[in-house]
Amino acid sequence: MIAFDFGNPQNLVLFIIYFSVLAYLCIRNNNIYTNILLEFKGYRIYTCDLTCKVLDDHTYHDSIVISKSDLTQEEGNDVPYWDFENYIYITANRGGK
């Protein structure tokens, strides 16, 4: 951002084009770390250890969880989630939240 002179209209247009292309690529490639749509929607990314109790107590270490709610307040509680990818999970809504 230091290279752009915002006083010059041509540089302002170049800045907008550059970051629009960057945002498009992040969204298109599902790069969740820099996905601007997640930021606009209010999601946060957490690294958590998850224990799945469906068949047996299996713990998934250092899983990525995407959530709108503050998961730091949910430590030790049951949190419903949806398995998005091998190590990426998205929390499910709880009763209209």
PDB file of N, CA and C in Angstrom:
ATOM      1  N   MET A   1       0.821  -1.192   0.000  1.00  0.00           N
ATOM      2  CA  MET A   1       0.000   0.000   0.000  1.00  0.00           C
ATOM      3  C   MET A   1       0.863   1.253   0.000  1.00  0.00           C
ATOM      4  N   ILE A   2       2.099   1.125   0.376  1.00  0.00           N
ATOM      5  CA  ILE A   2       2.984   2.284   0.390  1.00  0.00           C
ATOM      6  C   ILE A   2       3.266   2.754  -1.033  1.00  0.00           C
ATOM      7  N   ALA A   3       3.235   1.845  -1.995  1.00  0.00           N
ATOM      8  CA  ALA A   3       3.567   2.178  -3.379  1.00  0.00           C
ATOM      9  C   ALA A   3       2.460   2.963  -4.071  1.00  0.00           C
ATOM     10  N   PHE A   4       1.285   3.033  -3.495  1.00  0.00           N
ATOM     11  CA  PHE A   4       0.170   3.727  -4.136  1.00  0.00           C
ATOM     12  C   PHE A   4       0.047   5.153  -3.602  1.00  0.00           C
ATOM     13  N   ASP A   5      -0.054   6.098  -4.523  1.00  0.00           N
ATOM     14  CA  ASP A   5      -0.284   7.503  -4.172  1.00  0.00           C
ATOM     15  C   ASP A   5      -1.773   7.769  -4.358  1.00  0.00           C
ATOM     16  N   PHE A   6      -2.493   7.881  -3.239  1.00  0.00           N
ATOM     17  CA  PHE A   6      -3.947   8.028  -3.315  1.00  0.00           C
ATOM     18  C   PHE A   6      -4.387   9.422  -3.761  1.00  0.00           C
ATOM     19  N   GLY A   7      -3.480  10.338  -3.884  1.00  0.00           N
ATOM     20  CA  GLY A   7      -3.808  11.662  -4.406  1.00  0.00           C
ATOM     21  C   GLY A   7      -3.913  11.669  -5.918  1.00  0.00           C
ATOM     22  N   ASN A   8      -3.340  10.676  -6.551  1.00  0.00           N
ATOM     23  CA  ASN A   8      -3.361  10.561  -7.998  1.00  0.00           C
ATOM     24  C   ASN A   8      -4.505   9.619  -8.391  1.00  0.00           C
ATOM     25  N   PRO A   9      -5.481  10.085  -9.183  1.00  0.00           N
ATOM     26  CA  PRO A   9      -6.622   9.232  -9.553  1.00  0.00           C
ATOM     27  C   PRO A   9      -6.220   7.942 -10.274  1.00  0.00           C
ATOM     28  N   GLN A  10      -5.168   7.995 -11.089  1.00  0.00           N
ATOM     29  CA  GLN A  10      -4.728   6.792 -11.790  1.00  0.00           C
ATOM     30  C   GLN A  10      -4.225   5.746 -10.792  1.00  0.00           C
ATOM     31  N   ASN A  11      -3.487   6.154  -9.778  1.00  0.00           N
ATOM     32  CA  ASN A  11      -3.003   5.218  -8.768  1.00  0.00           C
ATOM     33  C   ASN A  11      -4.140   4.684  -7.910  1.00  0.00           C
ATOM     34  N   LEU A  12      -5.152   5.489  -7.669  1.00  0.00           N
ATOM     35  CA  LEU A  12      -6.311   5.028  -6.910  1.00  0.00           C
ATOM     36  C   LEU A  12      -7.055   3.931  -7.667  1.00  0.00           C
ATOM     37  N   VAL A  13      -7.208   4.105  -8.973  1.00  0.00           N
ATOM     38  CA  VAL A  13      -7.851   3.088  -9.808  1.00  0.00           C
ATOM     39  C   VAL A  13      -7.007   1.816  -9.825  1.00  0.00           C
ATOM     40  N   LEU A  14      -5.696   1.943  -9.931  1.00  0.00           N
ATOM     41  CA  LEU A  14      -4.818   0.775  -9.898  1.00  0.00           C
ATOM     42  C   LEU A  14      -4.920   0.036  -8.568  1.00  0.00           C
ATOM     43  N   PHE A  15      -5.026   0.785  -7.483  1.00  0.00           N
ATOM     44  CA  PHE A  15      -5.176   0.185  -6.154  1.00  0.00           C
ATOM     45  C   PHE A  15      -6.470  -0.621  -6.070  1.00  0.00           C
ATOM     46  N   ILE A  16      -7.556  -0.046  -6.553  1.00  0.00           N
ATOM     47  CA  ILE A  16      -8.854  -0.732  -6.516  1.00  0.00           C
ATOM     48  C   ILE A  16      -8.824  -1.984  -7.393  1.00  0.00           C
ATOM     49  N   ILE A  17      -8.234  -1.890  -8.560  1.00  0.00           N
ATOM     50  CA  ILE A  17      -8.136  -3.052  -9.443  1.00  0.00           C
ATOM     51  C   ILE A  17      -7.286  -4.138  -8.798  1.00  0.00           C
ATOM     52  N   TYR A  18      -6.151  -3.774  -8.232  1.00  0.00           N
ATOM     53  CA  TYR A  18      -5.249  -4.739  -7.614  1.00  0.00           C
ATOM     54  C   TYR A  18      -5.939  -5.494  -6.488  1.00  0.00           C
ATOM     55  N   PHE A  19      -6.581  -4.785  -5.569  1.00  0.00           N
ATOM     56  CA  PHE A  19      -7.208  -5.458  -4.445  1.00  0.00           C
ATOM     57  C   PHE A  19      -8.511  -6.160  -4.821  1.00  0.00           C
ATOM     58  N   SER A  20      -9.161  -5.732  -5.877  1.00  0.00           N
ATOM     59  CA  SER A  20     -10.327  -6.471  -6.377  1.00  0.00           C
ATOM     60  C   SER A  20      -9.902  -7.814  -6.958  1.00  0.00           C
ATOM     61  N   VAL A  21      -8.829  -7.823  -7.716  1.00  0.00           N
ATOM     62  CA  VAL A  21      -8.313  -9.082  -8.260  1.00  0.00           C
ATOM     63  C   VAL A  21      -7.837  -9.982  -7.126  1.00  0.00           C
ATOM     64  N   LEU A  22      -7.159  -9.432  -6.142  1.00  0.00           N
ATOM     65  CA  LEU A  22      -6.698 -10.215  -4.995  1.00  0.00           C
ATOM     66  C   LEU A  22      -7.879 -10.822  -4.235  1.00  0.00           C
ATOM     67  N   ALA A  23      -8.922 -10.037  -4.009  1.00  0.00           N
ATOM     68  CA  ALA A  23     -10.117 -10.545  -3.324  1.00  0.00           C
ATOM     69  C   ALA A  23     -10.792 -11.638  -4.155  1.00  0.00           C
ATOM     70  N   TYR A  24     -10.888 -11.445  -5.453  1.00  0.00           N
ATOM     71  CA  TYR A  24     -11.485 -12.451  -6.332  1.00  0.00           C
ATOM     72  C   TYR A  24     -10.707 -13.763  -6.255  1.00  0.00           C
ATOM     73  N   LEU A  25      -9.392 -13.696  -6.310  1.00  0.00           N
ATOM     74  CA  LEU A  25      -8.572 -14.904  -6.256  1.00  0.00           C
ATOM     75  C   LEU A  25      -8.715 -15.622  -4.915  1.00  0.00           C
ATOM     76  N   CYS A  26      -8.799 -14.869  -3.836  1.00  0.00           N
ATOM     77  CA  CYS A  26      -8.966 -15.493  -2.518  1.00  0.00           C
ATOM     78  C   CYS A  26     -10.308 -16.207  -2.422  1.00  0.00           C
ATOM     79  N   ILE A  27     -11.344 -15.585  -2.958  1.00  0.00           N
ATOM     80  CA  ILE A  27     -12.680 -16.191  -2.915  1.00  0.00           C
ATOM     81  C   ILE A  27     -12.737 -17.389  -3.859  1.00  0.00           C
ATOM     82  N   ARG A  28     -12.209 -17.243  -5.038  1.00  0.00           N
ATOM     83  CA  ARG A  28     -12.259 -18.304  -6.051  1.00  0.00           C
ATOM     84  C   ARG A  28     -11.479 -19.549  -5.628  1.00  0.00           C
ATOM     85  N   ASN A  29     -10.373 -19.360  -4.930  1.00  0.00           N
ATOM     86  CA  ASN A  29      -9.520 -20.473  -4.526  1.00  0.00           C
ATOM     87  C   ASN A  29      -9.815 -20.970  -3.116  1.00  0.00           C
ATOM     88  N   ASN A  30     -10.901 -20.492  -2.510  1.00  0.00           N
ATOM     89  CA  ASN A  30     -11.296 -20.910  -1.168  1.00  0.00           C
ATOM     90  C   ASN A  30     -10.166 -20.746  -0.158  1.00  0.00           C
ATOM     91  N   ASN A  31      -9.411 -19.690  -0.303  1.00  0.00           N
ATOM     92  CA  ASN A  31      -8.340 -19.403   0.639  1.00  0.00           C
ATOM     93  C   ASN A  31      -8.972 -18.776   1.875  1.00  0.00           C
ATOM     94  N   ILE A  32      -9.280 -19.608   2.875  1.00  0.00           N
ATOM     95  CA  ILE A  32     -10.054 -19.126   4.007  1.00  0.00           C
ATOM     96  C   ILE A  32      -9.291 -18.156   4.877  1.00  0.00           C
ATOM     97  N   TYR A  33      -7.965 -18.180   4.817  1.00  0.00           N
ATOM     98  CA  TYR A  33      -7.193 -17.283   5.664  1.00  0.00           C
ATOM     99  C   TYR A  33      -7.322 -15.836   5.217  1.00  0.00           C
ATOM    100  N   THR A  34      -7.542 -15.615   3.943  1.00  0.00           N
ATOM    101  CA  THR A  34      -7.644 -14.252   3.441  1.00  0.00           C
ATOM    102  C   THR A  34      -8.939 -14.029   2.668  1.00  0.00           C
ATOM    103  N   ASN A  35      -9.937 -14.855   2.901  1.00  0.00           N
ATOM    104  CA  ASN A  35     -11.191 -14.737   2.172  1.00  0.00           C
ATOM    105  C   ASN A  35     -11.968 -13.526   2.677  1.00  0.00           C
ATOM    106  N   ILE A  36     -12.100 -12.536   1.854  1.00  0.00           N
ATOM    107  CA  ILE A  36     -12.714 -11.281   2.257  1.00  0.00           C
ATOM    108  C   ILE A  36     -14.215 -11.421   2.501  1.00  0.00           C
ATOM    109  N   LEU A  37     -14.859 -12.392   1.841  1.00  0.00           N
ATOM    110  CA  LEU A  37     -16.287 -12.602   2.085  1.00  0.00           C
ATOM    111  C   LEU A  37     -16.548 -13.053   3.520  1.00  0.00           C
ATOM    112  N   LEU A  38     -15.670 -13.908   4.053  1.00  0.00           N
ATOM    113  CA  LEU A  38     -15.828 -14.326   5.455  1.00  0.00           C
ATOM    114  C   LEU A  38     -15.716 -13.129   6.394  1.00  0.00           C
ATOM    115  N   GLU A  39     -14.822 -12.230   6.093  1.00  0.00           N
ATOM    116  CA  GLU A  39     -14.657 -11.031   6.923  1.00  0.00           C
ATOM    117  C   GLU A  39     -15.897 -10.142   6.846  1.00  0.00           C
ATOM    118  N   PHE A  40     -16.429  -9.950   5.657  1.00  0.00           N
ATOM    119  CA  PHE A  40     -17.625  -9.123   5.498  1.00  0.00           C
ATOM    120  C   PHE A  40     -18.839  -9.730   6.202  1.00  0.00           C
ATOM    121  N   LYS A  41     -18.920 -11.053   6.224  1.00  0.00           N
ATOM    122  CA  LYS A  41     -20.051 -11.736   6.863  1.00  0.00           C
ATOM    123  C   LYS A  41     -19.889 -11.838   8.385  1.00  0.00           C
ATOM    124  N   GLY A  42     -18.714 -11.464   8.919  1.00  0.00           N
ATOM    125  CA  GLY A  42     -18.520 -11.455  10.361  1.00  0.00           C
ATOM    126  C   GLY A  42     -17.973 -12.743  10.950  1.00  0.00           C
ATOM    127  N   TYR A  43     -17.398 -13.605  10.121  1.00  0.00           N
ATOM    128  CA  TYR A  43     -16.836 -14.859  10.607  1.00  0.00           C
ATOM    129  C   TYR A  43     -15.422 -14.646  11.137  1.00  0.00           C
ATOM    130  N   ARG A  44     -15.024 -15.476  12.075  1.00  0.00           N
ATOM    131  CA  ARG A  44     -13.665 -15.491  12.610  1.00  0.00           C
ATOM    132  C   ARG A  44     -13.119 -16.910  12.464  1.00  0.00           C
ATOM    133  N   ILE A  45     -11.818 -17.037  12.397  1.00  0.00           N
ATOM    134  CA  ILE A  45     -11.170 -18.329  12.240  1.00  0.00           C
ATOM    135  C   ILE A  45     -10.447 -18.669  13.539  1.00  0.00           C
ATOM    136  N   TYR A  46     -10.683 -19.890  14.041  1.00  0.00           N
ATOM    137  CA  TYR A  46     -10.085 -20.365  15.284  1.00  0.00           C
ATOM    138  C   TYR A  46      -9.343 -21.664  15.015  1.00  0.00           C
ATOM    139  N   THR A  47      -8.302 -21.919  15.791  1.00  0.00           N
ATOM    140  CA  THR A  47      -7.626 -23.212  15.793  1.00  0.00           C
ATOM    141  C   THR A  47      -8.016 -23.914  17.077  1.00  0.00           C
ATOM    142  N   CYS A  48      -8.645 -25.077  16.950  1.00  0.00           N
ATOM    143  CA  CYS A  48      -9.209 -25.770  18.111  1.00  0.00           C
ATOM    144  C   CYS A  48      -8.859 -27.249  18.079  1.00  0.00           C
ATOM    145  N   ASP A  49      -8.953 -27.873  19.251  1.00  0.00           N
ATOM    146  CA  ASP A  49      -8.945 -29.321  19.365  1.00  0.00           C
ATOM    147  C   ASP A  49     -10.393 -29.746  19.528  1.00  0.00           C
ATOM    148  N   LEU A  50     -10.897 -30.578  18.611  1.00  0.00           N
ATOM    149  CA  LEU A  50     -12.284 -31.016  18.641  1.00  0.00           C
ATOM    150  C   LEU A  50     -12.358 -32.480  19.051  1.00  0.00           C
ATOM    151  N   THR A  51     -13.317 -32.807  19.909  1.00  0.00           N
ATOM    152  CA  THR A  51     -13.562 -34.193  20.282  1.00  0.00           C
ATOM    153  C   THR A  51     -14.902 -34.598  19.702  1.00  0.00           C
ATOM    154  N   CYS A  52     -14.863 -35.595  18.809  1.00  0.00           N
ATOM    155  CA  CYS A  52     -16.068 -36.103  18.180  1.00  0.00           C
ATOM    156  C   CYS A  52     -16.535 -37.321  18.966  1.00  0.00           C
ATOM    157  N   LYS A  53     -17.793 -37.314  19.385  1.00  0.00           N
ATOM    158  CA  LYS A  53     -18.335 -38.395  20.210  1.00  0.00           C
ATOM    159  C   LYS A  53     -19.408 -39.187  19.471  1.00  0.00           C
ATOM    160  N   VAL A  54     -19.261 -39.342  18.149  1.00  0.00           N
ATOM    161  CA  VAL A  54     -20.261 -40.073  17.384  1.00  0.00           C
ATOM    162  C   VAL A  54     -20.078 -41.577  17.575  1.00  0.00           C
ATOM    163  N   LEU A  55     -18.948 -42.113  17.210  1.00  0.00           N
ATOM    164  CA  LEU A  55     -18.696 -43.545  17.376  1.00  0.00           C
ATOM    165  C   LEU A  55     -17.832 -43.809  18.605  1.00  0.00           C
ATOM    166  N   ASP A  56     -16.791 -43.037  18.739  1.00  0.00           N
ATOM    167  CA  ASP A  56     -15.914 -43.130  19.902  1.00  0.00           C
ATOM    168  C   ASP A  56     -15.355 -41.737  20.165  1.00  0.00           C
ATOM    169  N   ASP A  57     -14.719 -41.549  21.267  1.00  0.00           N
ATOM    170  CA  ASP A  57     -14.140 -40.241  21.588  1.00  0.00           C
ATOM    171  C   ASP A  57     -12.836 -40.071  20.819  1.00  0.00           C
ATOM    172  N   HIS A  58     -12.927 -39.414  19.673  1.00  0.00           N
ATOM    173  CA  HIS A  58     -11.738 -39.158  18.865  1.00  0.00           C
ATOM    174  C   HIS A  58     -11.478 -37.661  18.869  1.00  0.00           C
ATOM    175  N   THR A  59     -10.243 -37.260  19.158  1.00  0.00           N
ATOM    176  CA  THR A  59      -9.892 -35.839  19.207  1.00  0.00           C
ATOM    177  C   THR A  59      -9.123 -35.461  17.955  1.00  0.00           C
ATOM    178  N   TYR A  60      -9.579 -34.407  17.311  1.00  0.00           N
ATOM    179  CA  TYR A  60      -8.900 -33.836  16.158  1.00  0.00           C
ATOM    180  C   TYR A  60      -8.124 -32.622  16.649  1.00  0.00           C
ATOM    181  N   HIS A  61      -6.804 -32.671  16.552  1.00  0.00           N
ATOM    182  CA  HIS A  61      -5.961 -31.595  17.053  1.00  0.00           C
ATOM    183  C   HIS A  61      -5.712 -30.540  15.980  1.00  0.00           C
ATOM    184  N   ASP A  62      -5.619 -29.294  16.404  1.00  0.00           N
ATOM    185  CA  ASP A  62      -5.307 -28.157  15.534  1.00  0.00           C
ATOM    186  C   ASP A  62      -6.226 -28.065  14.325  1.00  0.00           C
ATOM    187  N   SER A  63      -7.504 -28.241  14.558  1.00  0.00           N
ATOM    188  CA  SER A  63      -8.498 -28.100  13.495  1.00  0.00           C
ATOM    189  C   SER A  63      -8.837 -26.626  13.325  1.00  0.00           C
ATOM    190  N   ILE A  64      -9.186 -26.245  12.128  1.00  0.00           N
ATOM    191  CA  ILE A  64      -9.604 -24.875  11.851  1.00  0.00           C
ATOM    192  C   ILE A  64     -11.116 -24.824  11.932  1.00  0.00           C
ATOM    193  N   VAL A  65     -11.636 -23.912  12.752  1.00  0.00           N
ATOM    194  CA  VAL A  65     -13.075 -23.751  12.920  1.00  0.00           C
ATOM    195  C   VAL A  65     -13.436 -22.326  12.529  1.00  0.00           C
ATOM    196  N   ILE A  66     -14.415 -22.205  11.640  1.00  0.00           N
ATOM    197  CA  ILE A  66     -14.902 -20.903  11.190  1.00  0.00           C
ATOM    198  C   ILE A  66     -16.230 -20.652  11.885  1.00  0.00           C
ATOM    199  N   SER A  67     -16.340 -19.512  12.562  1.00  0.00           N
ATOM    200  CA  SER A  67     -17.550 -19.263  13.345  1.00  0.00           C
ATOM    201  C   SER A  67     -17.858 -17.775  13.443  1.00  0.00           C
ATOM    202  N   LYS A  68     -19.158 -17.469  13.513  1.00  0.00           N
ATOM    203  CA  LYS A  68     -19.579 -16.099  13.784  1.00  0.00           C
ATOM    204  C   LYS A  68     -19.563 -15.808  15.278  1.00  0.00           C
ATOM    205  N   SER A  69     -19.775 -16.848  16.086  1.00  0.00           N
ATOM    206  CA  SER A  69     -19.792 -16.642  17.537  1.00  0.00           C
ATOM    207  C   SER A  69     -18.370 -16.719  18.084  1.00  0.00           C
ATOM    208  N   ASP A  70     -18.173 -16.149  19.263  1.00  0.00           N
ATOM    209  CA  ASP A  70     -16.867 -16.124  19.917  1.00  0.00           C
ATOM    210  C   ASP A  70     -16.612 -17.485  20.565  1.00  0.00           C
ATOM    211  N   LEU A  71     -15.787 -18.297  19.934  1.00  0.00           N
ATOM    212  CA  LEU A  71     -15.540 -19.644  20.432  1.00  0.00           C
ATOM    213  C   LEU A  71     -14.654 -19.663  21.672  1.00  0.00           C
ATOM    214  N   THR A  72     -14.006 -18.561  21.990  1.00  0.00           N
ATOM    215  CA  THR A  72     -13.209 -18.538  23.217  1.00  0.00           C
ATOM    216  C   THR A  72     -14.106 -18.631  24.442  1.00  0.00           C
ATOM    217  N   GLN A  73     -15.383 -18.292  24.302  1.00  0.00           N
ATOM    218  CA  GLN A  73     -16.341 -18.391  25.396  1.00  0.00           C
ATOM    219  C   GLN A  73     -16.967 -19.779  25.474  1.00  0.00           C
ATOM    220  N   GLU A  74     -16.697 -20.629  24.493  1.00  0.00           N
ATOM    221  CA  GLU A  74     -17.327 -21.949  24.409  1.00  0.00           C
ATOM    222  C   GLU A  74     -16.386 -23.087  24.816  1.00  0.00           C
ATOM    223  N   GLU A  75     -15.250 -22.772  25.387  1.00  0.00           N
ATOM    224  CA  GLU A  75     -14.278 -23.811  25.739  1.00  0.00           C
ATOM    225  C   GLU A  75     -14.890 -24.800  26.729  1.00  0.00           C
ATOM    226  N   GLY A  76     -14.810 -26.075  26.378  1.00  0.00           N
ATOM    227  CA  GLY A  76     -15.362 -27.139  27.217  1.00  0.00           C
ATOM    228  C   GLY A  76     -16.829 -27.428  26.968  1.00  0.00           C
ATOM    229  N   ASN A  77     -17.494 -26.644  26.130  1.00  0.00           N
ATOM    230  CA  ASN A  77     -18.916 -26.844  25.824  1.00  0.00           C
ATOM    231  C   ASN A  77     -19.077 -27.571  24.495  1.00  0.00           C
ATOM    232  N   ASP A  78     -20.266 -28.144  24.301  1.00  0.00           N
ATOM    233  CA  ASP A  78     -20.598 -28.751  23.012  1.00  0.00           C
ATOM    234  C   ASP A  78     -20.921 -27.647  22.017  1.00  0.00           C
ATOM    235  N   VAL A  79     -20.299 -27.724  20.864  1.00  0.00           N
ATOM    236  CA  VAL A  79     -20.540 -26.748  19.800  1.00  0.00           C
ATOM    237  C   VAL A  79     -20.907 -27.523  18.546  1.00  0.00           C
ATOM    238  N   PRO A  80     -22.122 -27.318  18.012  1.00  0.00           N
ATOM    239  CA  PRO A  80     -22.480 -28.017  16.769  1.00  0.00           C
ATOM    240  C   PRO A  80     -21.674 -27.467  15.595  1.00  0.00           C
ATOM    241  N   TYR A  81     -21.198 -28.364  14.753  1.00  0.00           N
ATOM    242  CA  TYR A  81     -20.387 -27.936  13.616  1.00  0.00           C
ATOM    243  C   TYR A  81     -20.686 -28.792  12.402  1.00  0.00           C
ATOM    244  N   TRP A  82     -20.266 -28.280  11.258  1.00  0.00           N
ATOM    245  CA  TRP A  82     -20.425 -28.963   9.990  1.00  0.00           C
ATOM    246  C   TRP A  82     -19.027 -29.230   9.447  1.00  0.00           C
ATOM    247  N   ASP A  83     -18.763 -30.452   9.016  1.00  0.00           N
ATOM    248  CA  ASP A  83     -17.461 -30.839   8.489  1.00  0.00           C
ATOM    249  C   ASP A  83     -17.328 -30.296   7.073  1.00  0.00           C
ATOM    250  N   PHE A  84     -16.504 -29.280   6.909  1.00  0.00           N
ATOM    251  CA  PHE A  84     -16.337 -28.628   5.617  1.00  0.00           C
ATOM    252  C   PHE A  84     -15.294 -29.321   4.769  1.00  0.00           C
ATOM    253  N   GLU A  85     -14.178 -29.666   5.371  1.00  0.00           N
ATOM    254  CA  GLU A  85     -13.085 -30.319   4.687  1.00  0.00           C
ATOM    255  C   GLU A  85     -12.363 -31.163   5.713  1.00  0.00           C
ATOM    256  N   ASN A  86     -11.254 -31.781   5.363  1.00  0.00           N
ATOM    257  CA  ASN A  86     -10.576 -32.698   6.268  1.00  0.00           C
ATOM    258  C   ASN A  86     -10.299 -32.109   7.650  1.00  0.00           C
ATOM    259  N   TYR A  87      -9.860 -30.914   7.729  1.00  0.00           N
ATOM    260  CA  TYR A  87      -9.529 -30.306   9.018  1.00  0.00           C
ATOM    261  C   TYR A  87     -10.181 -28.942   9.216  1.00  0.00           C
ATOM    262  N   ILE A  88     -11.148 -28.618   8.372  1.00  0.00           N
ATOM    263  CA  ILE A  88     -11.831 -27.332   8.461  1.00  0.00           C
ATOM    264  C   ILE A  88     -13.290 -27.581   8.807  1.00  0.00           C
ATOM    265  N   TYR A  89     -13.782 -26.900   9.826  1.00  0.00           N
ATOM    266  CA  TYR A  89     -15.152 -27.068  10.293  1.00  0.00           C
ATOM    267  C   TYR A  89     -15.813 -25.695  10.387  1.00  0.00           C
ATOM    268  N   ILE A  90     -17.124 -25.674  10.178  1.00  0.00           N
ATOM    269  CA  ILE A  90     -17.910 -24.442  10.306  1.00  0.00           C
ATOM    270  C   ILE A  90     -18.969 -24.692  11.367  1.00  0.00           C
ATOM    271  N   THR A  91     -19.093 -23.777  12.322  1.00  0.00           N
ATOM    272  CA  THR A  91     -20.094 -23.982  13.373  1.00  0.00           C
ATOM    273  C   THR A  91     -21.485 -23.833  12.806  1.00  0.00           C
ATOM    274  N   ALA A  92     -22.403 -24.608  13.353  1.00  0.00           N
ATOM    275  CA  ALA A  92     -23.799 -24.561  12.930  1.00  0.00           C
ATOM    276  C   ALA A  92     -24.547 -23.562  13.805  1.00  0.00           C
ATOM    277  N   ASN A  93     -25.635 -23.036  13.279  1.00  0.00           N
ATOM    278  CA  ASN A  93     -26.458 -22.094  14.040  1.00  0.00           C
ATOM    279  C   ASN A  93     -27.134 -22.795  15.211  1.00  0.00           C
ATOM    280  N   ARG A  94     -27.263 -22.082  16.286  1.00  0.00           N
ATOM    281  CA  ARG A  94     -27.962 -22.605  17.455  1.00  0.00           C
ATOM    282  C   ARG A  94     -29.260 -21.828  17.626  1.00  0.00           C
ATOM    283  N   GLY A  95     -30.335 -22.427  17.322  1.00  0.00           N
ATOM    284  CA  GLY A  95     -31.640 -21.833  17.601  1.00  0.00           C
ATOM    285  C   GLY A  95     -31.799 -20.401  17.143  1.00  0.00           C
ATOM    286  N   GLY A  96     -31.399 -20.088  15.918  1.00  0.00           N
ATOM    287  CA  GLY A  96     -31.631 -18.769  15.372  1.00  0.00           C
ATOM    288  C   GLY A  96     -30.556 -17.746  15.653  1.00  0.00           C
ATOM    289  N   LYS A  97     -29.446 -18.130  16.256  1.00  0.00           N
ATOM    290  CA  LYS A  97     -28.369 -17.177  16.497  1.00  0.00           C
ATOM    291  C   LYS A  97     -27.667 -16.831  15.232  1.00  0.00           C
TER     292      LYS A  97
END
